[in-house]
Amino acid sequence: MRPVLADVSFDVEPGTLTALVGPSGCGKSTLLRILAGLAAPAEGSATIGTVELVGTPGGIAYHPQRDALLPWLRSLDNATLGAETCGRDRAEARSEALALLDRFGLAGQQDAWPDELSGGMRQRVALMRTFLMPQQVLALDEPLGALDALTRRRLQRWLLEIVAEDRRPTLLVTHDIDEALLLADQILVFSDRPGRIVHVENRPAPAARLEEHETGEDREAARRLLDVLGG
């Protein structure tokens, strides 16, 4: 069987976002699932400090590609479910979630059912669920991939602020080069399967990235990444 990943090694720093880009099937999402303890590698290890992540479910705060909201739970209960599953006190998690509703664009929506929410609002609930989890690292698997272009653009800027405020290292899988250039402090470009890191693109501070994005000054970096990807 052909390996999905091979010889992948990288470091992340507190308060930074690292984007993983590469061809479909190169192992980006598989890597997040391994780190989350949802898949087991044939060999290798992943640690945070001295904590071994491989084979340890819940080692990172993992956001899957779909929002995975439970239809029988209201927004507030969906948002706190991950934290409660990880052992956080329910009252404490609910109190923090209520305090974050406005920051997450969900003011007044705590009692809404999932089918009453727009796609963008569902993703905000799902992202709050991830950010309320106590783990030291966040991992977001294409969190905005299913949204329309306007909603996605709006949430990209919002997510840029939220990640900067949270200060935990964040991993982001995306197929959108522009999204990676805007959101990431570091971009890891993966080869085709078996996925290896073939290029690392270091990016300026968030304010400078946003300015580059608005003025189009990040086009050179975009061309560089596309050249590496063979596009």
Foldseek 3Di string as FASTA:
>chain_A
DFALADDADDDFAFLFEEEEAADPSQCPVVVVCQQQLNDADPDDWDDDPNRTRGNPHPQALEQDQALPFDQVDFLLCSLQVLQVVVPDDPVVLSVVVQVCCVLLVNVPRRGHGPVVDDPLVSLSSSVSSSLSHDHQEYEYENSPVVDDPVSSVVVLVSVLVVSNVSRGYYYYYDHDLLSCLQRGQKYFYFYHPPTYGDDIDGHDDNVVSVVCSVVVVCVVVVVVNCVVNVD
